[in-house]
Amino acid sequence: MNIKSALTRPLYRIYEERLLASLDRDRFPRHIGVIHDGHRRYARAEGLPDYATSYRVGMDKFVEFLGWTAAFDIEAVTCWLLSKENLSRPADELEPYYEVLIELFDRLPEAMAGHDAVVRFIGSLDLLPADLVAAAKRLEEQCNSGSRRITIALAYGGRQEIVDAVRDLVADLVEGGKDGAEIVEAIGVESIAGNLYTSDLPDPDVVIRTSGEARLSGFLLWQSAYAEYLFVDVYWPAFRRVDFLRAMREFTQRERRFGR
């Protein structure tokens, strides 16, 4: 621990306690969506030797974050760890990240002991390396019971999710013997929503994006129509518990209108 950390840590603890005391627990979100952004910029800003080092710091933070949400009994958390668009990055960037994700998935069952959570993956996993998919499946098998839900979006794209939902809906209608007019009539908000990857979850109440970028980039496009958006300036690997508490305070103080 450096001198600066030694001096500031007690101050942050005091600040965290004040934030906790100011939070209205009755207004906490049921479902939080998170875009974990800023690993590469963090590596450059901190002068780290490679991106893999930053990825590992970020995944350590991910484990911490799951603990914070468990402490507040957040019913559902959806975390975007890899977008479909990210797959176009150079192999020398992707392969180290895949390795770090495999490490993360293998350690999560032990790290999440006592979290009372089911883990599920969404996205185009068929586009990912076999060893990464196998690690994801192992994690799902080991974390398959609980009252809370942790969803990990991997090779995920919001537009692709909507396309897949419509395709599945139409395929079911065709299999059920519906004709063209009946298919058109059956396509609606509820029927599409029922075929989304997260159809068994409530829509997110709040979406948090780190790194200062103020856009969704396609994350849960359909589901986040009435979510509150919180754009946090810090890079994900530097995201602290105090930043999470600040985000929760801001959310609980907002008046949600749901388009009204």
Protein backbone atom coordinates (compact mmCIF):
# COMPACT_ATOMS: atom_id res chain seq x y z
CA MET A 1 0.00 0.00 0.00
CA ASN A 2 1.44 3.39 -0.97
CA ILE A 3 1.36 6.46 1.26
CA LYS A 4 -1.50 8.08 -0.66
CA SER A 5 -3.66 4.97 -0.29
CA ALA A 6 -2.85 4.72 3.40
CA LEU A 7 -4.00 8.29 3.93
CA THR A 8 -7.12 8.23 1.79
CA ARG A 9 -8.51 4.80 2.70
CA PRO A 10 -9.87 5.87 6.14
CA LEU A 11 -11.49 8.90 4.52
CA TYR A 12 -13.19 6.72 1.93
CA ARG A 13 -14.49 4.42 4.68
CA ILE A 14 -16.05 7.39 6.46
CA TYR A 15 -17.55 8.63 3.19
CA GLU A 16 -18.92 5.16 2.38
CA GLU A 17 -20.61 4.99 5.78
CA ARG A 18 -22.27 8.35 5.15
CA LEU A 19 -23.41 7.21 1.71
CA LEU A 20 -24.83 4.02 3.17
CA ALA A 21 -26.73 5.96 5.79
CA SER A 22 -28.26 8.20 3.10
CA LEU A 23 -29.53 5.37 0.88
CA ASP A 24 -33.22 4.53 0.72
CA ARG A 25 -33.11 0.72 0.56
CA ASP A 26 -36.78 0.58 -0.41
CA ARG A 27 -35.96 2.32 -3.71
CA PHE A 28 -33.06 0.06 -4.70
CA PRO A 29 -33.18 -1.42 -8.23
CA ARG A 30 -34.36 -4.97 -8.77
CA HIS A 31 -32.19 -5.36 -11.87
CA ILE A 32 -28.88 -3.62 -12.62
CA GLY A 33 -27.20 -3.69 -16.02
CA VAL A 34 -23.49 -2.90 -16.23
CA ILE A 35 -21.21 -2.07 -19.17
CA HIS A 36 -17.71 -2.79 -17.87
CA ASP A 37 -15.79 -0.35 -20.04
CA GLY A 38 -12.27 1.07 -20.03
CA HIS A 39 -9.80 -1.80 -19.56
CA ARG A 40 -7.44 -0.79 -22.36
CA ARG A 41 -7.50 2.92 -21.51
CA TYR A 42 -6.82 2.02 -17.89
CA ALA A 43 -3.78 -0.01 -18.95
CA ARG A 44 -2.41 2.94 -20.92
CA ALA A 45 -3.17 5.47 -18.19
CA GLU A 46 -1.51 3.34 -15.51
CA GLY A 47 1.48 2.37 -17.66
CA LEU A 48 0.75 -1.35 -17.32
CA PRO A 49 2.95 -3.74 -19.30
CA ASP A 50 0.06 -5.24 -21.30
CA TYR A 51 -3.70 -5.37 -21.61
CA ALA A 52 -3.85 -8.76 -19.90
CA THR A 53 -2.74 -7.14 -16.66
CA SER A 54 -5.56 -4.60 -16.92
CA TYR A 55 -8.07 -7.35 -17.79
CA ARG A 56 -7.12 -9.23 -14.61
CA VAL A 57 -7.52 -6.12 -12.48
CA GLY A 58 -10.93 -5.62 -14.10
CA MET A 59 -12.03 -9.18 -13.44
CA ASP A 60 -10.92 -8.92 -9.80
CA LYS A 61 -13.13 -5.83 -9.65
CA PHE A 62 -15.95 -7.84 -11.24
CA VAL A 63 -15.78 -10.37 -8.40
CA GLU A 64 -15.85 -7.53 -5.86
CA PHE A 65 -18.80 -5.95 -7.63
CA LEU A 66 -20.83 -9.16 -7.43
CA GLY A 67 -20.19 -9.14 -3.69
CA TRP A 68 -21.48 -5.57 -3.40
CA THR A 69 -24.70 -6.45 -5.20
CA ALA A 70 -25.14 -9.59 -3.10
CA ALA A 71 -24.81 -7.52 0.08
CA PHE A 72 -27.77 -5.40 -1.06
CA ASP A 73 -29.79 -8.43 -2.28
CA ILE A 74 -30.04 -7.06 -5.81
CA GLU A 75 -32.37 -9.52 -7.52
CA ALA A 76 -30.71 -9.50 -10.95
CA VAL A 77 -27.45 -8.22 -12.41
CA THR A 78 -26.62 -8.34 -16.12
CA CYS A 79 -22.97 -7.73 -16.96
CA TRP A 80 -21.65 -7.06 -20.48
CA LEU A 81 -18.15 -8.52 -20.59
CA LEU A 82 -17.73 -8.87 -24.36
CA SER A 83 -19.69 -7.38 -27.26
CA LYS A 84 -20.21 -9.04 -30.60
CA GLU A 85 -18.45 -6.07 -32.19
CA ASN A 86 -15.40 -6.68 -29.96
CA LEU A 87 -14.79 -9.90 -31.88
CA SER A 88 -13.36 -7.87 -34.77
CA ARG A 89 -10.41 -6.75 -32.62
CA PRO A 90 -6.92 -8.15 -33.36
CA ALA A 91 -6.16 -11.62 -32.05
CA ASP A 92 -3.34 -10.30 -29.87
CA GLU A 93 -5.97 -8.32 -27.93
CA LEU A 94 -8.72 -10.92 -27.88
CA GLU A 95 -6.75 -14.03 -26.97
CA PRO A 96 -5.37 -12.64 -23.67
CA TYR A 97 -8.87 -11.50 -22.76
CA TYR A 98 -10.27 -14.95 -23.51
CA GLU A 99 -7.65 -16.44 -21.18
CA VAL A 100 -8.57 -14.01 -18.41
CA LEU A 101 -12.28 -14.79 -18.85
CA ILE A 102 -11.61 -18.51 -18.56
CA GLU A 103 -9.68 -17.85 -15.33
CA LEU A 104 -12.60 -15.75 -14.07
CA PHE A 105 -15.25 -18.35 -14.88
CA ASP A 106 -13.24 -21.09 -13.19
CA ARG A 107 -12.86 -19.08 -9.97
CA LEU A 108 -16.40 -17.69 -9.75
CA PRO A 109 -18.11 -20.74 -8.19
CA GLU A 110 -15.88 -20.47 -5.14
CA ALA A 111 -15.90 -16.67 -5.12
CA MET A 112 -19.71 -16.60 -5.25
CA ALA A 113 -20.27 -19.11 -2.49
CA GLY A 114 -23.08 -17.73 -0.35
CA HIS A 115 -24.34 -15.31 -3.03
CA ASP A 116 -27.53 -17.36 -3.55
CA ALA A 117 -27.32 -16.75 -7.30
CA VAL A 118 -27.80 -18.56 -10.59
CA VAL A 119 -25.36 -17.70 -13.39
CA ARG A 120 -26.50 -17.69 -17.02
CA PHE A 121 -24.86 -16.54 -20.26
CA ILE A 122 -26.46 -14.70 -23.16
CA GLY A 123 -25.07 -13.81 -26.57
CA SER A 124 -23.62 -15.51 -29.64
CA LEU A 125 -21.46 -18.00 -27.79
CA ASP A 126 -21.13 -20.07 -30.96
CA LEU A 127 -18.71 -17.39 -32.23
CA LEU A 128 -16.30 -17.91 -29.33
CA PRO A 129 -13.40 -20.37 -28.86
CA ALA A 130 -14.41 -23.81 -27.63
CA ASP A 131 -12.38 -23.61 -24.42
CA LEU A 132 -14.07 -20.33 -23.43
CA VAL A 133 -17.52 -21.75 -24.14
CA ALA A 134 -16.65 -24.85 -22.11
CA ALA A 135 -15.63 -22.65 -19.16
CA ALA A 136 -18.92 -20.74 -19.42
CA LYS A 137 -20.90 -23.99 -19.43
CA ARG A 138 -18.98 -25.27 -16.39
CA LEU A 139 -19.83 -22.08 -14.54
CA GLU A 140 -23.53 -22.39 -15.40
CA GLU A 141 -23.55 -26.01 -14.21
CA GLN A 142 -21.87 -25.16 -10.91
CA CYS A 143 -23.95 -22.04 -10.18
CA ASN A 144 -27.39 -23.36 -11.09
CA SER A 145 -29.53 -22.61 -8.05
CA GLY A 146 -30.43 -19.55 -6.04
CA SER A 147 -32.96 -16.74 -5.72
CA ARG A 148 -30.79 -14.14 -7.46
CA ARG A 149 -29.67 -14.07 -11.10
CA ILE A 150 -26.29 -13.10 -12.54
CA THR A 151 -26.40 -12.86 -16.34
CA ILE A 152 -23.14 -12.52 -18.28
CA ALA A 153 -23.43 -11.09 -21.79
CA LEU A 154 -20.71 -12.57 -23.97
CA ALA A 155 -20.34 -11.94 -27.71
CA TYR A 156 -23.58 -10.04 -27.17
CA GLY A 157 -25.23 -7.48 -29.44
CA GLY A 158 -28.55 -5.79 -28.72
CA ARG A 159 -29.65 -5.69 -32.34
CA GLN A 160 -28.76 -9.36 -32.77
CA GLU A 161 -30.85 -10.22 -29.70
CA ILE A 162 -33.91 -8.56 -31.23
CA VAL A 163 -33.30 -10.29 -34.57
CA ASP A 164 -32.99 -13.64 -32.80
CA ALA A 165 -36.18 -12.98 -30.81
CA VAL A 166 -38.20 -12.22 -33.95
CA ARG A 167 -36.75 -15.22 -35.78
CA ASP A 168 -37.61 -17.55 -32.89
CA LEU A 169 -41.10 -16.11 -32.67
CA VAL A 170 -41.76 -16.52 -36.37
CA ALA A 171 -40.28 -20.02 -36.40
CA ASP A 172 -42.62 -21.06 -33.57
CA LEU A 173 -45.61 -19.58 -35.38
CA VAL A 174 -44.73 -21.36 -38.62
CA GLU A 175 -44.27 -24.63 -36.75
CA GLY A 176 -47.69 -24.04 -35.21
CA GLY A 177 -49.23 -23.89 -38.68
CA LYS A 178 -49.95 -20.15 -38.78
CA ASP A 179 -50.32 -18.51 -42.19
CA GLY A 180 -48.77 -15.21 -43.24
CA ALA A 181 -51.57 -12.97 -42.01
CA GLU A 182 -51.72 -14.75 -38.65
CA ILE A 183 -47.95 -14.44 -38.25
CA VAL A 184 -48.08 -10.69 -38.90
CA GLU A 185 -50.92 -10.32 -36.40
CA ALA A 186 -49.05 -12.31 -33.75
CA ILE A 187 -45.91 -10.16 -33.86
CA GLY A 188 -46.17 -7.56 -31.13
CA VAL A 189 -44.43 -6.06 -28.12
CA GLU A 190 -45.34 -8.87 -25.72
CA SER A 191 -44.60 -11.70 -28.13
CA ILE A 192 -41.17 -10.31 -29.05
CA ALA A 193 -40.35 -9.59 -25.40
CA GLY A 194 -41.20 -13.19 -24.58
CA ASN A 195 -38.47 -14.40 -26.92
CA LEU A 196 -35.63 -12.16 -25.75
CA TYR A 197 -32.57 -13.70 -24.10
CA THR A 198 -33.69 -12.23 -20.75
CA SER A 199 -37.41 -12.95 -21.07
CA ASP A 200 -37.42 -14.51 -17.60
CA LEU A 201 -36.05 -11.35 -15.95
CA PRO A 202 -37.56 -7.98 -15.08
CA ASP A 203 -36.33 -5.16 -17.30
CA PRO A 204 -33.28 -3.36 -15.90
CA ASP A 205 -34.06 -0.42 -13.63
CA VAL A 206 -30.66 1.14 -14.10
CA VAL A 207 -27.75 0.73 -16.53
CA ILE A 208 -24.28 1.77 -15.36
CA ARG A 209 -21.47 2.39 -17.84
CA THR A 210 -17.94 3.13 -16.69
CA SER A 211 -15.09 5.00 -18.45
CA GLY A 212 -16.98 8.22 -19.17
CA GLU A 213 -18.57 7.04 -22.41
CA ALA A 214 -22.17 8.26 -22.56
CA ARG A 215 -23.82 5.69 -24.83
CA LEU A 216 -25.37 2.23 -24.56
CA SER A 217 -23.61 0.73 -27.61
CA GLY A 218 -26.57 -1.62 -28.06
CA PHE A 219 -26.71 -3.05 -24.54
CA LEU A 220 -30.16 -4.46 -23.73
CA LEU A 221 -31.70 -2.18 -26.34
CA TRP A 222 -35.23 -3.47 -25.93
CA GLN A 223 -35.20 -4.03 -22.19
CA SER A 224 -33.64 -0.71 -21.18
CA ALA A 225 -36.30 1.50 -22.78
CA TYR A 226 -37.26 2.94 -19.39
CA ALA A 227 -34.07 2.27 -17.45
CA GLU A 228 -32.18 5.07 -15.75
CA TYR A 229 -28.68 5.57 -17.22
CA LEU A 230 -25.66 6.36 -15.07
CA PHE A 231 -22.39 7.18 -16.84
CA VAL A 232 -19.43 7.00 -14.46
CA ASP A 233 -16.13 8.67 -15.34
CA VAL A 234 -13.75 6.06 -13.90
CA TYR A 235 -12.44 3.11 -15.93
CA TRP A 236 -13.87 -0.25 -14.86
CA PRO A 237 -10.67 -1.58 -13.23
CA ALA A 238 -10.62 1.56 -11.03
CA PHE A 239 -14.33 1.35 -10.11
CA ARG A 240 -14.64 1.39 -6.32
CA ARG A 241 -17.34 0.50 -3.83
CA VAL A 242 -17.78 4.21 -3.19
CA ASP A 243 -18.52 4.70 -6.92
CA PHE A 244 -21.14 1.97 -6.72
CA LEU A 245 -22.73 3.57 -3.66
CA ARG A 246 -22.78 6.95 -5.39
CA ALA A 247 -24.52 5.35 -8.36
CA MET A 248 -27.11 3.77 -6.06
CA ARG A 249 -27.67 7.09 -4.31
CA GLU A 250 -28.24 8.87 -7.62
CA PHE A 251 -30.64 6.17 -8.79
CA THR A 252 -32.69 6.21 -5.58
CA GLN A 253 -33.01 10.00 -5.79
CA ARG A 254 -34.34 10.04 -9.34
CA GLU A 255 -38.04 10.25 -10.13
CA ARG A 256 -38.85 7.50 -12.60
CA ARG A 257 -41.57 8.47 -15.10
CA PHE A 258 -41.68 5.44 -17.46
CA GLY A 259 -42.53 7.70 -20.38
CA ARG A 260 -45.42 9.38 -18.59
